Protein backbone atom coordinates (compact mmCIF):
# COMPACT_ATOMS: atom_id res chain seq x y z
CA MET A 1 26.37 -18.13 23.17
CA SER A 2 23.73 -16.40 21.19
CA GLU A 3 22.48 -13.36 22.10
CA LEU A 4 19.11 -14.95 23.05
CA ARG A 5 20.79 -16.76 25.72
CA GLN A 6 22.03 -13.83 27.43
CA PRO A 7 20.33 -11.79 30.50
CA GLU A 8 17.00 -10.38 30.06
CA ALA A 9 18.21 -6.82 29.73
CA ASP A 10 20.40 -7.91 26.82
CA LEU A 11 17.76 -9.59 25.18
CA GLN A 12 15.38 -6.87 24.93
CA ALA A 13 17.33 -4.74 22.85
CA PRO A 14 17.67 -6.88 19.52
CA VAL A 15 13.74 -7.42 20.01
CA GLN A 16 13.05 -3.63 19.87
CA ALA A 17 15.77 -3.35 17.07
CA GLN A 18 13.14 -4.41 14.79
CA GLY A 19 10.84 -1.60 15.29
CA PRO A 20 11.11 0.24 12.27
CA VAL A 21 10.13 -2.71 10.30
CA GLU A 22 7.33 -3.76 12.54
CA ALA A 23 6.06 0.29 12.50
CA GLN A 24 5.65 -0.05 8.81
CA LEU A 25 4.08 -3.57 9.11
CA PHE A 26 1.47 -2.93 11.61
CA GLY A 27 1.04 0.88 11.38
CA ALA A 28 1.47 3.97 13.83
CA ALA A 29 0.37 1.61 17.15
CA GLY A 30 3.41 -0.54 16.31
CA GLU A 31 5.44 2.34 15.72
CA GLU A 32 4.55 3.97 19.09
CA ALA A 33 5.65 0.83 20.89
CA ALA A 34 8.78 0.31 18.90
CA SER A 35 9.91 4.01 18.98
CA PRO A 36 13.24 4.76 20.67
CA SER A 37 11.46 6.53 23.23
CA SER A 38 9.62 3.76 24.56
CA SER A 39 10.60 1.55 27.76
CA SER A 40 13.18 -0.71 27.72
CA SER A 41 10.81 -3.23 27.86
CA PRO A 42 8.80 -4.74 24.77
CA VAL A 43 5.73 -3.79 26.05
CA THR A 44 4.34 -0.25 26.52
CA PRO A 45 3.77 -0.02 30.30
CA SER A 46 0.84 1.59 29.95
CA PHE A 47 -1.33 -1.15 28.73
CA SER A 48 -0.90 -2.76 31.81
CA ALA A 49 -4.03 -0.58 33.15
CA TYR A 50 -5.87 -2.59 31.28
CA ALA A 51 -7.07 -5.45 33.94
CA GLU A 52 -9.67 -7.13 32.07
CA SER A 53 -9.78 -6.04 28.52
CA LEU A 54 -7.55 -4.32 26.00
CA PRO A 55 -8.64 -2.33 23.13
CA GLN A 56 -7.71 -3.41 19.79
CA GLU A 57 -4.85 -0.73 19.55
CA ALA A 58 -3.22 -2.36 22.46
CA LEU A 59 -3.48 -6.15 21.34
CA THR A 60 -2.13 -4.88 17.89
CA VAL A 61 1.00 -3.56 19.90
CA LEU A 62 1.41 -6.65 21.81
CA LYS A 63 1.13 -8.54 18.60
CA SER A 64 3.56 -6.36 16.72
CA ASP A 65 5.83 -7.03 19.79
CA LEU A 66 5.38 -10.85 19.72
CA VAL A 67 5.99 -10.93 15.84
CA ALA A 68 9.37 -9.15 16.44
CA PHE A 69 10.44 -11.94 18.86
CA LEU A 70 9.17 -14.64 16.77
CA LEU A 71 11.41 -13.27 13.85
CA LEU A 72 14.24 -13.30 16.12
CA LYS A 73 13.95 -16.63 17.26
CA TYR A 74 13.27 -17.81 13.33
CA ARG A 75 16.64 -16.14 12.41
CA THR A 76 18.56 -17.81 15.02
CA LYS A 77 16.91 -21.32 14.48
CA GLU A 78 15.88 -21.58 18.05
CA PRO A 79 12.77 -23.28 19.53
CA ILE A 80 10.59 -21.03 21.78
CA SER A 81 8.52 -21.55 24.36
CA LYS A 82 5.25 -20.07 26.08
CA ALA A 83 7.38 -18.88 29.19
CA GLU A 84 9.70 -16.98 27.14
CA MET A 85 6.98 -15.40 25.55
CA LEU A 86 5.25 -14.26 28.66
CA ASN A 87 8.65 -13.40 30.26
CA MET A 88 9.65 -11.62 27.50
CA VAL A 89 6.61 -9.93 25.84
CA LEU A 90 3.35 -10.37 27.62
CA ARG A 91 5.01 -10.00 31.28
CA ASP A 92 1.63 -7.75 32.00
CA HIS A 93 -0.65 -9.09 29.98
CA ARG A 94 -0.42 -12.99 30.75
CA ASP A 95 -4.27 -13.59 30.62
CA HIS A 96 -4.12 -12.23 27.27
CA PHE A 97 -1.81 -14.87 25.77
CA PRO A 98 -3.98 -16.85 23.74
CA VAL A 99 -5.69 -14.22 21.67
CA VAL A 100 -2.19 -12.31 21.07
CA PHE A 101 -0.51 -15.62 20.23
CA SER A 102 -3.13 -16.77 17.85
CA ARG A 103 -2.73 -13.26 16.12
CA ALA A 104 1.07 -13.29 15.90
CA SER A 105 1.08 -17.01 14.48
CA LYS A 106 -1.44 -15.91 11.79
CA CYS A 107 0.73 -13.06 10.69
CA MET A 108 3.93 -15.16 10.72
CA GLN A 109 2.11 -17.70 8.37
CA LEU A 110 0.42 -15.24 6.14
CA VAL A 111 2.80 -12.52 5.84
CA PHE A 112 6.37 -14.05 6.41
CA GLY A 113 5.32 -17.69 5.53
CA VAL A 114 6.49 -19.12 8.74
CA ASP A 115 4.78 -21.37 10.76
CA VAL A 116 4.45 -21.72 14.29
CA LYS A 117 4.45 -25.41 15.29
CA GLU A 118 4.30 -27.11 18.84
CA VAL A 119 6.62 -29.79 19.35
CA ASP A 120 6.05 -30.30 23.19
CA PRO A 121 2.71 -29.54 24.41
CA ARG A 122 3.71 -30.40 28.09
CA GLU A 123 6.27 -27.95 28.00
CA CYS A 124 4.49 -25.64 25.52
CA THR A 125 7.32 -25.54 23.16
CA TYR A 126 7.35 -24.42 19.30
CA VAL A 127 9.25 -24.50 16.62
CA LEU A 128 9.39 -22.03 13.45
CA VAL A 129 9.24 -23.82 10.21
CA PRO A 130 8.95 -22.59 6.59
CA THR A 131 5.24 -22.61 5.40
CA LEU A 132 4.80 -25.71 2.84
CA GLY A 133 8.43 -26.57 3.41
CA LEU A 134 9.97 -23.80 1.22
CA THR A 135 13.50 -22.87 1.71
CA CYS A 136 13.71 -19.54 -0.01
CA ASP A 137 14.31 -17.84 3.30
CA ALA A 138 17.06 -20.60 4.44
CA VAL A 139 19.71 -18.34 4.49
CA LEU A 140 18.86 -14.45 5.72
CA SER A 141 21.89 -12.60 4.73
CA ASP A 142 21.57 -10.11 7.59
CA GLY A 143 19.71 -9.11 10.86
CA GLN A 144 17.49 -6.90 8.91
CA SER A 145 16.40 -9.41 6.09
CA MET A 146 12.43 -10.32 6.21
CA PRO A 147 11.36 -13.66 5.38
CA LYS A 148 9.44 -13.56 2.25
CA ALA A 149 8.17 -16.98 2.02
CA GLY A 150 4.53 -15.70 2.52
CA LEU A 151 4.45 -13.81 -0.77
CA LEU A 152 5.57 -16.73 -2.62
CA VAL A 153 3.26 -19.03 -1.03
CA LEU A 154 0.32 -16.62 -1.76
CA ILE A 155 1.38 -16.71 -5.51
CA LEU A 156 1.94 -20.54 -5.98
CA CYS A 157 -1.70 -20.54 -4.50
CA GLN A 158 -3.07 -18.51 -7.47
CA ILE A 159 -1.19 -20.16 -10.03
CA ALA A 160 -2.60 -23.48 -8.90
CA LEU A 161 -6.35 -21.78 -8.54
CA TYR A 162 -5.62 -20.33 -12.24
CA GLY A 163 -4.89 -23.88 -13.83
CA ASP A 164 -1.11 -23.97 -13.46
CA HIS A 165 -0.75 -20.71 -15.09
CA ALA A 166 -1.54 -17.19 -13.92
CA PRO A 167 -1.59 -14.24 -15.86
CA GLU A 168 0.76 -11.48 -14.92
CA GLU A 169 -1.96 -9.02 -14.99
CA GLU A 170 -4.03 -11.05 -12.50
CA VAL A 171 -1.02 -11.56 -10.26
CA TRP A 172 -0.38 -8.28 -9.73
CA GLU A 173 -3.91 -7.14 -9.24
CA LEU A 174 -4.23 -9.81 -6.42
CA LEU A 175 -1.09 -8.23 -4.82
CA SER A 176 -2.38 -4.79 -5.21
CA ILE A 177 -4.80 -5.63 -2.45
CA MET A 178 -2.01 -5.63 -0.16
CA GLU A 179 -0.51 -2.62 -1.33
CA VAL A 180 2.41 -4.81 -3.00
CA TYR A 181 3.16 -3.10 -6.36
CA ALA A 182 5.57 -3.59 -9.19
CA GLY A 183 8.12 -0.94 -9.03
CA LYS A 184 7.30 0.20 -5.58
CA GLN A 185 9.64 -0.76 -2.80
CA HIS A 186 7.68 -2.75 -0.17
CA CYS A 187 9.08 -2.87 3.91
CA ILE A 188 9.13 -6.22 3.40
CA TYR A 189 9.27 -7.67 0.13
CA GLY A 190 11.66 -5.43 -1.48
CA GLU A 191 11.09 -4.37 -5.07
CA PRO A 192 8.39 -6.91 -6.15
CA ARG A 193 8.75 -7.11 -9.80
CA GLU A 194 12.32 -7.94 -9.46
CA LEU A 195 11.61 -10.50 -6.67
CA LEU A 196 8.96 -12.45 -8.73
CA THR A 197 10.50 -12.11 -12.20
CA LYS A 198 14.13 -12.35 -11.23
CA VAL A 199 15.19 -13.56 -8.08
CA TRP A 200 12.46 -16.51 -7.89
CA VAL A 201 12.82 -17.37 -11.37
CA GLN A 202 16.71 -17.49 -10.65
CA GLU A 203 15.89 -19.86 -7.94
CA GLY A 204 13.62 -21.94 -9.52
CA TYR A 205 10.51 -20.93 -7.70
CA LEU A 206 8.62 -19.60 -10.51
CA GLU A 207 8.72 -19.58 -14.34
CA TYR A 208 8.11 -16.09 -16.01
CA ARG A 209 6.86 -16.67 -19.71
CA GLN A 210 5.58 -14.67 -22.74
CA VAL A 211 2.00 -16.04 -23.63
CA PRO A 212 2.44 -17.80 -27.20
CA HIS A 213 0.42 -16.15 -30.15
CA CYS A 214 -0.62 -12.54 -28.05
CA ASP A 215 -0.45 -9.15 -29.59
CA PRO A 216 0.61 -7.09 -27.65
CA ALA A 217 2.55 -9.22 -25.46
CA ARG A 218 1.50 -10.80 -22.23
CA TYR A 219 3.32 -12.77 -19.82
CA GLU A 220 2.30 -15.36 -17.01
CA PHE A 221 3.65 -17.16 -14.14
CA LEU A 222 3.82 -21.05 -13.64
CA TRP A 223 5.26 -23.09 -10.91
CA GLY A 224 9.07 -23.75 -11.30
CA PRO A 225 11.01 -26.87 -10.91
CA ARG A 226 12.06 -25.96 -7.14
CA ALA A 227 8.39 -25.36 -6.10
CA TYR A 228 7.42 -28.59 -7.48
CA ALA A 229 10.58 -30.38 -5.71
CA GLU A 230 9.41 -28.83 -2.12
CA THR A 231 5.90 -28.92 -2.38
CA SER A 232 3.18 -29.85 -4.16
CA LYS A 233 -0.14 -28.40 -5.47
CA TRP A 234 -2.32 -30.84 -3.05
CA GLN A 235 -0.32 -29.08 -0.01
CA VAL A 236 -1.15 -25.92 -1.41
CA LEU A 237 -4.63 -26.85 -1.57
CA GLU A 238 -4.74 -27.83 1.92
CA HIS A 239 -3.06 -24.76 3.19
CA LEU A 240 -5.71 -22.61 1.24
CA LEU A 241 -8.34 -24.84 3.63
CA SER A 242 -6.25 -24.34 6.61
CA VAL A 243 -6.46 -20.82 6.37
CA ASN A 244 -10.06 -20.59 5.48
CA THR A 245 -8.90 -18.19 2.44
CA LEU A 246 -9.15 -18.55 -1.34
CA GLY A 247 -7.92 -16.45 -4.05
CA PRO A 248 -8.38 -12.58 -3.55
CA THR A 249 -9.57 -13.27 0.21
CA SER A 250 -6.28 -14.61 0.79
CA ALA A 251 -4.48 -11.41 0.11
CA GLU A 252 -6.94 -9.35 2.33
CA GLY A 253 -5.82 -11.37 5.03
CA VAL A 254 -2.12 -10.52 4.52
CA SER A 255 -3.03 -6.94 3.87
CA ASP A 256 -5.05 -6.89 7.35
CA GLU A 257 -2.23 -8.41 9.06
CA GLU A 258 0.20 -5.96 7.68
CA GLU A 259 -1.87 -3.08 8.69
CA GLY A 260 -2.68 -4.69 12.28
CA ALA A 261 -6.26 -4.28 11.58
């Protein structure tokens, strides 16, 4: 039996185990809620004092807790219900479910490349599926692995907007807005240069090639055959419209979610 189906006291521990990553993702507010000294409840008890409205910091912590719970469900490939989210994360903040759920869903999509889709409106049940149908995160090797498809989606979008091939320097300039830099370890994406130029190239999602007749040498990114097989440029453009972002603005949105802004 999955640990998610065990009694409530047992379930809370794995949710909080995501704390260190969530602290880096959402900033100091997330760190406070996820630290070992926090209460056994995923929600910081002091926030129950806010009866009608919550400050931004409190909403950020609640979003962080809900994202951690959604990631746990994504790893175990289990559906999730509104009732579960209320009971396990928002027990004392039920009135704030719509705004917290909306922000957490946006974070899951932009940062991790995971869509939260409703499958039963009557029961308010949801499933977690890869954005654009990409399967690069189909197997997460261990409980600490973070889905990385959000970054791949962003790069595929940029390539499409640049006319099927994006100069390497433009890609890194875009990613720098998210504080993702070549050669610098990232709390979610690992070492980005290796991910872009080796891992995703080997998996067939990207092509990384030298631009002909350039001195000094320059490189560019293109869609790989697996990207064409799993999605399409039309779907990518629809995705851009659905998140109401284009080009660098998309990266800014991801950065905002990472910082819990």
